[in-house]
Every structure is written in structure tokens, then in C-alpha cells.
Amino acid sequence: MKNLVASLLIGSLAQASWAAPASPVIDIYKSPTCGCCNKWIDHLKANGFTVTSHDTDNVAQHKYRLGVPPGYGSCHTAEVGGYVIEGHVPTREIKRLLKEKPRARGLVVPGMPIGSPGMETGDHKDPYDVFLVNRNGSTRTYAKY
């Protein structure tokens, strides 16, 4: 009987360790009429994120609450894993942020650069930077596209 219980316990532990990790949940605050925000949400979902979308007429209150520095805003604001994500940040950089866990507020892509996730327009792509927002509000380049 002890061997049966031990086998069942080992089997269930092994099965749990093989299970895929839960996908990151990202909360997004956006205007109810913004099309590029919805395209960014599609980008997140296609890359393994679970999305909770909140339509609001006052996205600015969430930017302020989460510490987006003035001049670094975009059309939507999100939070994931205790970090702010502002604008059309690629999922590659969000996953890197969640893996590295820097002591920071989060990531921002100011404005709405053509070619960033959700802002695709044919083959045209503007160069843009993803900035890491430090806890004191200063920024540094985290990635270049």
C-alpha cells in the first residue's frame, strides 16, 4: 500500500512540474474606440499573454497612478507583474522584463511609432526605442527597434 501511495504521489508531482507555466496576465487601460490598442492586444494574446482590457475615458489617470513619466505617454497603459507597460511595447521586451525583474517602474514606447506592435502599416517601420523607467522616473534605453 505504501508503494502505491508513493507512486501516485511521485506521479502527480512529476505531472505538475511538466505542466506549462501560467501565462502572464496583463491589465490594459485604453479608450473604447482605439483600433491600434486592440491590435496591440491581439499581439499580446498571440504571444502567450492573458489580457484583461478596461475601456476608460480617462487613461491619463492610470498613467499618473502607475508612474509614466511626462512626455513618454502613448494611447494605452498596462500593468503586468507589478510593472507599468506604456504604449506599443513588443512582447519580447515584456517577457524579458518579467524574467530579469529589474528594480524599475516598467517599460515605455512613447508615441505611436509606425511598425511597432499594433501600428503595422505595410512594410514601413520607423525606428524606435523601448525605455526602462527607473523607480525615480528617469529612463534609459532598454531595446532599439
N, C-alpha and C. Protein backbone atom coordinates (compact mmCIF):
# COMPACT_ATOMS: atom_id res chain seq x y z
N MET A 1 0.82 -1.19 0.00
CA MET A 1 0.00 0.00 0.00
C MET A 1 0.87 1.27 0.00
N LYS A 2 1.96 1.23 0.81
CA LYS A 2 2.84 2.40 0.86
C LYS A 2 3.45 2.67 -0.51
N ASN A 3 3.83 1.61 -1.22
CA ASN A 3 4.42 1.78 -2.56
C ASN A 3 3.42 2.40 -3.53
N LEU A 4 2.15 2.03 -3.43
CA LEU A 4 1.12 2.58 -4.30
C LEU A 4 0.94 4.08 -4.03
N VAL A 5 0.85 4.45 -2.76
CA VAL A 5 0.70 5.87 -2.39
C VAL A 5 1.92 6.66 -2.85
N ALA A 6 3.11 6.11 -2.64
CA ALA A 6 4.33 6.79 -3.06
C ALA A 6 4.36 6.96 -4.57
N SER A 7 3.97 5.94 -5.31
CA SER A 7 3.95 6.02 -6.78
C SER A 7 2.97 7.07 -7.25
N LEU A 8 1.79 7.10 -6.64
CA LEU A 8 0.79 8.10 -7.03
C LEU A 8 1.28 9.52 -6.72
N LEU A 9 1.90 9.70 -5.56
CA LEU A 9 2.42 11.00 -5.16
C LEU A 9 3.53 11.45 -6.11
N ILE A 10 4.46 10.60 -6.40
CA ILE A 10 5.56 10.93 -7.31
C ILE A 10 5.01 11.24 -8.70
N GLY A 11 4.05 10.44 -9.16
CA GLY A 11 3.45 10.67 -10.47
C GLY A 11 2.75 12.01 -10.55
N SER A 12 2.01 12.39 -9.51
CA SER A 12 1.30 13.67 -9.55
C SER A 12 2.27 14.84 -9.44
N LEU A 13 3.33 14.70 -8.68
CA LEU A 13 4.33 15.77 -8.59
C LEU A 13 5.05 15.95 -9.92
N ALA A 14 5.41 14.84 -10.55
CA ALA A 14 6.09 14.92 -11.84
C ALA A 14 5.18 15.56 -12.87
N GLN A 15 3.90 15.19 -12.87
CA GLN A 15 2.96 15.76 -13.83
C GLN A 15 2.81 17.26 -13.60
N ALA A 16 2.74 17.71 -12.36
CA ALA A 16 2.61 19.13 -12.05
C ALA A 16 3.84 19.91 -12.52
N SER A 17 5.02 19.31 -12.40
CA SER A 17 6.24 20.01 -12.81
C SER A 17 6.35 20.11 -14.32
N TRP A 18 5.67 19.23 -15.05
CA TRP A 18 5.70 19.27 -16.52
C TRP A 18 4.66 20.23 -17.08
N ALA A 19 3.71 20.62 -16.26
CA ALA A 19 2.65 21.50 -16.74
C ALA A 19 3.24 22.83 -17.19
N ALA A 20 2.65 23.40 -18.21
CA ALA A 20 3.12 24.69 -18.71
C ALA A 20 2.87 25.77 -17.67
N PRO A 21 3.81 26.72 -17.55
CA PRO A 21 3.59 27.80 -16.59
C PRO A 21 2.40 28.65 -17.02
N ALA A 22 1.74 29.23 -16.05
CA ALA A 22 0.59 30.09 -16.34
C ALA A 22 1.05 31.28 -17.18
N SER A 23 0.20 31.66 -18.12
CA SER A 23 0.57 32.80 -18.96
C SER A 23 0.44 34.08 -18.13
N PRO A 24 1.32 35.06 -18.39
CA PRO A 24 1.23 36.31 -17.65
C PRO A 24 -0.09 37.03 -17.93
N VAL A 25 -0.69 37.58 -16.89
CA VAL A 25 -1.93 38.35 -17.04
C VAL A 25 -1.56 39.83 -17.10
N ILE A 26 -2.03 40.50 -18.13
CA ILE A 26 -1.75 41.92 -18.31
C ILE A 26 -3.06 42.69 -18.33
N ASP A 27 -3.16 43.72 -17.48
CA ASP A 27 -4.33 44.60 -17.42
C ASP A 27 -4.07 45.81 -18.28
N ILE A 28 -4.97 46.10 -19.21
CA ILE A 28 -4.79 47.21 -20.15
C ILE A 28 -5.90 48.24 -19.95
N TYR A 29 -5.50 49.51 -19.91
CA TYR A 29 -6.42 50.63 -19.82
C TYR A 29 -6.35 51.39 -21.13
N LYS A 30 -7.50 51.48 -21.83
CA LYS A 30 -7.49 52.06 -23.16
C LYS A 30 -8.82 52.75 -23.44
N SER A 31 -8.81 53.58 -24.47
CA SER A 31 -10.03 54.20 -24.96
C SER A 31 -10.90 53.12 -25.61
N PRO A 32 -12.21 53.20 -25.46
CA PRO A 32 -13.06 52.18 -26.07
C PRO A 32 -13.06 52.22 -27.60
N THR A 33 -12.57 53.30 -28.20
CA THR A 33 -12.62 53.44 -29.66
C THR A 33 -11.27 53.31 -30.35
N CYS A 34 -10.22 52.93 -29.62
CA CYS A 34 -8.88 52.91 -30.21
C CYS A 34 -8.60 51.58 -30.91
N GLY A 35 -8.45 51.63 -32.23
CA GLY A 35 -8.19 50.44 -33.02
C GLY A 35 -6.79 49.87 -32.83
N CYS A 36 -5.78 50.75 -32.70
CA CYS A 36 -4.41 50.23 -32.56
C CYS A 36 -4.22 49.57 -31.19
N CYS A 37 -4.96 50.00 -30.19
CA CYS A 37 -4.90 49.34 -28.89
C CYS A 37 -5.38 47.89 -29.02
N ASN A 38 -6.46 47.70 -29.78
CA ASN A 38 -6.99 46.35 -29.99
C ASN A 38 -6.00 45.49 -30.76
N LYS A 39 -5.28 46.08 -31.70
CA LYS A 39 -4.26 45.33 -32.44
C LYS A 39 -3.10 44.94 -31.52
N TRP A 40 -2.74 45.84 -30.58
CA TRP A 40 -1.68 45.51 -29.61
C TRP A 40 -2.14 44.37 -28.71
N ILE A 41 -3.42 44.38 -28.33
CA ILE A 41 -3.98 43.29 -27.53
C ILE A 41 -3.88 41.97 -28.30
N ASP A 42 -4.17 42.00 -29.58
CA ASP A 42 -4.02 40.79 -30.41
C ASP A 42 -2.58 40.29 -30.39
N HIS A 43 -1.62 41.23 -30.47
CA HIS A 43 -0.18 40.89 -30.41
C HIS A 43 0.14 40.20 -29.08
N LEU A 44 -0.39 40.73 -27.99
CA LEU A 44 -0.15 40.13 -26.67
C LEU A 44 -0.70 38.71 -26.60
N LYS A 45 -1.93 38.54 -27.02
CA LYS A 45 -2.58 37.22 -26.97
C LYS A 45 -1.84 36.22 -27.85
N ALA A 46 -1.42 36.65 -29.02
CA ALA A 46 -0.71 35.76 -29.94
C ALA A 46 0.64 35.33 -29.38
N ASN A 47 1.13 36.06 -28.39
CA ASN A 47 2.43 35.76 -27.80
C ASN A 47 2.33 35.26 -26.37
N GLY A 48 1.17 34.70 -26.02
CA GLY A 48 1.04 33.96 -24.77
C GLY A 48 0.55 34.72 -23.56
N PHE A 49 0.12 35.96 -23.72
CA PHE A 49 -0.39 36.71 -22.57
C PHE A 49 -1.90 36.53 -22.43
N THR A 50 -2.35 36.53 -21.19
CA THR A 50 -3.77 36.60 -20.89
C THR A 50 -4.08 38.07 -20.67
N VAL A 51 -5.08 38.59 -21.38
CA VAL A 51 -5.36 40.02 -21.38
C VAL A 51 -6.68 40.32 -20.68
N THR A 52 -6.65 41.31 -19.81
CA THR A 52 -7.86 41.89 -19.25
C THR A 52 -7.87 43.33 -19.70
N SER A 53 -8.86 43.70 -20.50
CA SER A 53 -8.93 45.03 -21.10
C SER A 53 -9.99 45.87 -20.38
N HIS A 54 -9.61 47.10 -20.03
CA HIS A 54 -10.51 48.02 -19.34
C HIS A 54 -10.69 49.25 -20.22
N ASP A 55 -11.89 49.44 -20.77
CA ASP A 55 -12.18 50.65 -21.53
C ASP A 55 -12.43 51.79 -20.55
N THR A 56 -11.81 52.93 -20.84
CA THR A 56 -11.94 54.09 -19.96
C THR A 56 -11.84 55.37 -20.78
N ASP A 57 -12.52 56.40 -20.33
CA ASP A 57 -12.42 57.71 -20.96
C ASP A 57 -11.31 58.54 -20.33
N ASN A 58 -10.61 57.96 -19.34
CA ASN A 58 -9.55 58.70 -18.66
C ASN A 58 -8.32 57.81 -18.46
N VAL A 59 -7.65 57.52 -19.56
CA VAL A 59 -6.43 56.70 -19.50
C VAL A 59 -5.34 57.44 -18.72
N ALA A 60 -5.37 58.77 -18.77
CA ALA A 60 -4.34 59.58 -18.11
C ALA A 60 -4.26 59.30 -16.61
N GLN A 61 -5.38 59.02 -15.96
CA GLN A 61 -5.34 58.74 -14.52
C GLN A 61 -4.52 57.49 -14.23
N HIS A 62 -4.55 56.51 -15.13
CA HIS A 62 -3.77 55.28 -14.94
C HIS A 62 -2.29 55.53 -15.23
N LYS A 63 -1.99 56.38 -16.21
CA LYS A 63 -0.60 56.75 -16.48
C LYS A 63 0.01 57.41 -15.23
N TYR A 64 -0.73 58.33 -14.65
CA TYR A 64 -0.27 59.03 -13.45
C TYR A 64 -0.11 58.06 -12.28
N ARG A 65 -1.12 57.23 -12.06
CA ARG A 65 -1.12 56.27 -10.94
C ARG A 65 0.06 55.31 -11.04
N LEU A 66 0.41 54.90 -12.26
CA LEU A 66 1.47 53.90 -12.46
C LEU A 66 2.84 54.51 -12.68
N GLY A 67 2.92 55.84 -12.76
CA GLY A 67 4.23 56.50 -12.83
C GLY A 67 4.84 56.63 -14.21
N VAL A 68 4.01 56.76 -15.25
CA VAL A 68 4.56 57.01 -16.58
C VAL A 68 5.11 58.44 -16.58
N PRO A 69 6.39 58.62 -16.93
CA PRO A 69 6.96 59.97 -16.92
C PRO A 69 6.30 60.88 -17.97
N PRO A 70 6.16 62.17 -17.65
CA PRO A 70 5.62 63.12 -18.63
C PRO A 70 6.44 63.07 -19.93
N GLY A 71 5.75 63.12 -21.06
CA GLY A 71 6.41 63.09 -22.35
C GLY A 71 6.68 61.69 -22.88
N TYR A 72 6.35 60.66 -22.11
CA TYR A 72 6.60 59.27 -22.53
C TYR A 72 5.29 58.51 -22.76
N GLY A 73 4.19 59.22 -22.87
CA GLY A 73 2.89 58.58 -23.00
C GLY A 73 2.59 58.07 -24.39
N SER A 74 1.57 57.24 -24.45
CA SER A 74 1.05 56.69 -25.70
C SER A 74 -0.46 56.56 -25.54
N CYS A 75 -1.07 55.73 -26.35
CA CYS A 75 -2.53 55.65 -26.35
C CYS A 75 -3.11 54.68 -25.33
N HIS A 76 -2.31 53.78 -24.78
CA HIS A 76 -2.81 52.84 -23.78
C HIS A 76 -1.73 52.60 -22.72
N THR A 77 -2.21 52.20 -21.56
CA THR A 77 -1.35 51.94 -20.41
C THR A 77 -1.73 50.57 -19.85
N ALA A 78 -0.73 49.81 -19.44
CA ALA A 78 -1.00 48.47 -18.92
C ALA A 78 -0.14 48.21 -17.69
N GLU A 79 -0.51 47.16 -16.98
CA GLU A 79 0.33 46.70 -15.87
C GLU A 79 0.36 45.18 -15.86
N VAL A 80 1.55 44.68 -15.57
CA VAL A 80 1.77 43.24 -15.52
C VAL A 80 2.91 42.96 -14.54
N GLY A 81 2.68 42.02 -13.66
CA GLY A 81 3.73 41.61 -12.72
C GLY A 81 4.28 42.75 -11.87
N GLY A 82 3.47 43.76 -11.57
CA GLY A 82 3.93 44.90 -10.78
C GLY A 82 4.62 45.98 -11.59
N TYR A 83 4.64 45.86 -12.91
CA TYR A 83 5.29 46.83 -13.78
C TYR A 83 4.26 47.56 -14.66
N VAL A 84 4.56 48.80 -14.99
CA VAL A 84 3.78 49.55 -15.97
C VAL A 84 4.33 49.24 -17.36
N ILE A 85 3.44 49.13 -18.32
CA ILE A 85 3.80 48.97 -19.73
C ILE A 85 3.04 50.06 -20.47
N GLU A 86 3.75 51.01 -21.04
CA GLU A 86 3.11 52.14 -21.70
C GLU A 86 3.35 52.07 -23.20
N GLY A 87 2.27 52.07 -23.96
CA GLY A 87 2.39 52.13 -25.41
C GLY A 87 2.64 50.78 -26.06
N HIS A 88 3.13 50.85 -27.29
CA HIS A 88 3.26 49.68 -28.16
C HIS A 88 4.56 48.91 -27.92
N VAL A 89 4.72 48.43 -26.70
CA VAL A 89 5.91 47.67 -26.31
C VAL A 89 5.80 46.25 -26.86
N PRO A 90 6.82 45.76 -27.56
CA PRO A 90 6.79 44.38 -28.05
C PRO A 90 6.80 43.37 -26.90
N THR A 91 6.10 42.25 -27.11
CA THR A 91 6.03 41.22 -26.06
C THR A 91 7.41 40.67 -25.71
N ARG A 92 8.30 40.66 -26.67
CA ARG A 92 9.66 40.17 -26.40
C ARG A 92 10.29 40.94 -25.23
N GLU A 93 10.09 42.24 -25.20
CA GLU A 93 10.67 43.07 -24.12
C GLU A 93 9.90 42.92 -22.82
N ILE A 94 8.59 42.72 -22.90
CA ILE A 94 7.79 42.50 -21.69
C ILE A 94 8.23 41.19 -21.03
N LYS A 95 8.40 40.14 -21.83
CA LYS A 95 8.85 38.85 -21.29
C LYS A 95 10.24 38.97 -20.68
N ARG A 96 11.11 39.72 -21.33
CA ARG A 96 12.46 39.94 -20.80
C ARG A 96 12.38 40.66 -19.45
N LEU A 97 11.53 41.68 -19.37
CA LEU A 97 11.35 42.43 -18.12
C LEU A 97 10.88 41.50 -17.00
N LEU A 98 9.90 40.67 -17.30
CA LEU A 98 9.36 39.76 -16.29
C LEU A 98 10.37 38.70 -15.87
N LYS A 99 11.25 38.33 -16.77
CA LYS A 99 12.30 37.35 -16.45
C LYS A 99 13.42 37.98 -15.63
N GLU A 100 13.87 39.18 -16.04
CA GLU A 100 15.00 39.84 -15.37
C GLU A 100 14.60 40.50 -14.05
N LYS A 101 13.36 40.95 -13.94
CA LYS A 101 12.83 41.59 -12.73
C LYS A 101 13.71 42.75 -12.22
N PRO A 102 13.99 43.74 -13.06
CA PRO A 102 14.78 44.87 -12.58
C PRO A 102 14.00 45.71 -11.58
N ARG A 103 14.72 46.43 -10.73
CA ARG A 103 14.08 47.37 -9.80
C ARG A 103 13.72 48.61 -10.61
N ALA A 104 12.52 48.62 -11.16
CA ALA A 104 12.10 49.69 -12.06
C ALA A 104 10.58 49.79 -12.04
N ARG A 105 10.08 50.89 -12.62
CA ARG A 105 8.62 51.04 -12.76
C ARG A 105 8.09 50.22 -13.91
N GLY A 106 8.86 50.15 -15.03
CA GLY A 106 8.39 49.38 -16.17
C GLY A 106 8.98 49.85 -17.48
N LEU A 107 8.23 49.61 -18.56
CA LEU A 107 8.70 49.91 -19.91
C LEU A 107 7.76 50.87 -20.61
N VAL A 108 8.32 51.73 -21.48
CA VAL A 108 7.52 52.65 -22.27
C VAL A 108 8.03 52.72 -23.70
N VAL A 109 7.09 52.86 -24.62
CA VAL A 109 7.37 53.24 -26.00
C VAL A 109 6.55 54.50 -26.23
N PRO A 110 7.19 55.67 -26.20
CA PRO A 110 6.45 56.92 -26.35
C PRO A 110 5.83 57.04 -27.75
N GLY A 111 4.70 57.72 -27.80
CA GLY A 111 4.05 57.97 -29.08
C GLY A 111 3.48 56.69 -29.66
N MET A 112 3.41 56.67 -30.97
CA MET A 112 2.83 55.54 -31.68
C MET A 112 3.66 55.26 -32.93
N PRO A 113 4.88 54.73 -32.76
CA PRO A 113 5.77 54.52 -33.91
C PRO A 113 5.21 53.52 -34.92
N ILE A 114 5.24 53.90 -36.18
CA ILE A 114 4.80 53.01 -37.25
C ILE A 114 5.71 51.78 -37.28
N GLY A 115 5.08 50.61 -37.32
CA GLY A 115 5.82 49.36 -37.35
C GLY A 115 5.93 48.69 -36.00
N SER A 116 5.61 49.41 -34.93
CA SER A 116 5.60 48.78 -33.60
C SER A 116 4.35 47.90 -33.51
N PRO A 117 4.30 46.94 -32.57
CA PRO A 117 3.14 46.05 -32.48
C PRO A 117 1.83 46.83 -32.32
N GLY A 118 0.91 46.56 -33.24
CA GLY A 118 -0.36 47.28 -33.25
C GLY A 118 -0.37 48.47 -34.18
N MET A 119 0.80 48.89 -34.63
CA MET A 119 0.93 50.05 -35.51
C MET A 119 1.52 49.66 -36.86
N GLU A 120 1.33 48.43 -37.26
CA GLU A 120 1.87 47.95 -38.53
C GLU A 120 1.14 48.62 -39.70
N THR A 121 1.93 49.06 -40.68
CA THR A 121 1.40 49.68 -41.89
C THR A 121 2.25 49.20 -43.06
N GLY A 122 1.87 48.09 -43.66
CA GLY A 122 2.66 47.55 -44.76
C GLY A 122 4.06 47.22 -44.30
N ASP A 123 5.04 47.54 -45.16
CA ASP A 123 6.43 47.25 -44.85
C ASP A 123 7.14 48.40 -44.15
N HIS A 124 6.48 49.55 -44.01
CA HIS A 124 7.11 50.73 -43.40
C HIS A 124 7.30 50.52 -41.90
N LYS A 125 8.50 50.82 -41.43
CA LYS A 125 8.79 50.73 -39.99
C LYS A 125 9.67 51.90 -39.60
N ASP A 126 9.21 52.67 -38.62
CA ASP A 126 10.04 53.73 -38.05
C ASP A 126 10.93 53.14 -36.98
N PRO A 127 12.17 53.61 -36.87
CA PRO A 127 12.99 53.16 -35.74
C PRO A 127 12.40 53.73 -34.43
N TYR A 128 12.49 52.95 -33.37
CA TYR A 128 12.01 53.43 -32.07
C TYR A 128 12.75 52.72 -30.96
N ASP A 129 12.69 53.32 -29.78
CA ASP A 129 13.32 52.76 -28.59
C ASP A 129 12.26 52.32 -27.59
N VAL A 130 12.58 51.27 -26.86
CA VAL A 130 11.83 50.86 -25.68
C VAL A 130 12.66 51.35 -24.51
N PHE A 131 12.04 52.14 -23.63
CA PHE A 131 12.76 52.70 -22.48
C PHE A 131 12.35 51.98 -21.20
N LEU A 132 13.33 51.75 -20.34
CA LEU A 132 13.09 51.27 -18.99
C LEU A 132 12.91 52.51 -18.11
N VAL A 133 11.81 52.54 -17.37
CA VAL A 133 11.57 53.64 -16.44
C VAL A 133 12.05 53.21 -15.07
N ASN A 134 13.07 53.91 -14.57
CA ASN A 134 13.60 53.61 -13.24
C ASN A 134 12.62 54.08 -12.17
N ARG A 135 12.82 53.62 -10.97
CA ARG A 135 11.91 53.99 -9.87
C ARG A 135 11.86 55.49 -9.61
N ASN A 136 12.96 56.20 -9.90
CA ASN A 136 12.97 57.65 -9.67
C ASN A 136 12.38 58.42 -10.85
N GLY A 137 11.88 57.71 -11.87
CA GLY A 137 11.26 58.35 -13.02
C GLY A 137 12.20 58.60 -14.19
N SER A 138 13.50 58.43 -13.98
CA SER A 138 14.44 58.58 -15.09
C SER A 138 14.30 57.38 -16.02
N THR A 139 14.82 57.51 -17.23
CA THR A 139 14.71 56.43 -18.20
C THR A 139 16.07 56.10 -18.81
N ARG A 140 16.15 54.91 -19.35
CA ARG A 140 17.31 54.51 -20.13
C ARG A 140 16.83 53.57 -21.22
N THR A 141 17.56 53.51 -22.31
CA THR A 141 17.18 52.63 -23.42
C THR A 141 17.30 51.18 -22.99
N TYR A 142 16.24 50.44 -23.22
CA TYR A 142 16.16 49.01 -22.88
C TYR A 142 16.33 48.16 -24.14
N ALA A 143 15.81 48.66 -25.26
CA ALA A 143 15.93 47.96 -26.54
C ALA A 143 15.72 48.97 -27.68
N LYS A 144 16.30 48.67 -28.81
CA LYS A 144 16.15 49.51 -30.01
C LYS A 144 15.52 48.68 -31.11
N TYR A 145 14.59 49.28 -31.82
CA TYR A 145 13.93 48.62 -32.95
C TYR A 145 14.02 49.50 -34.17
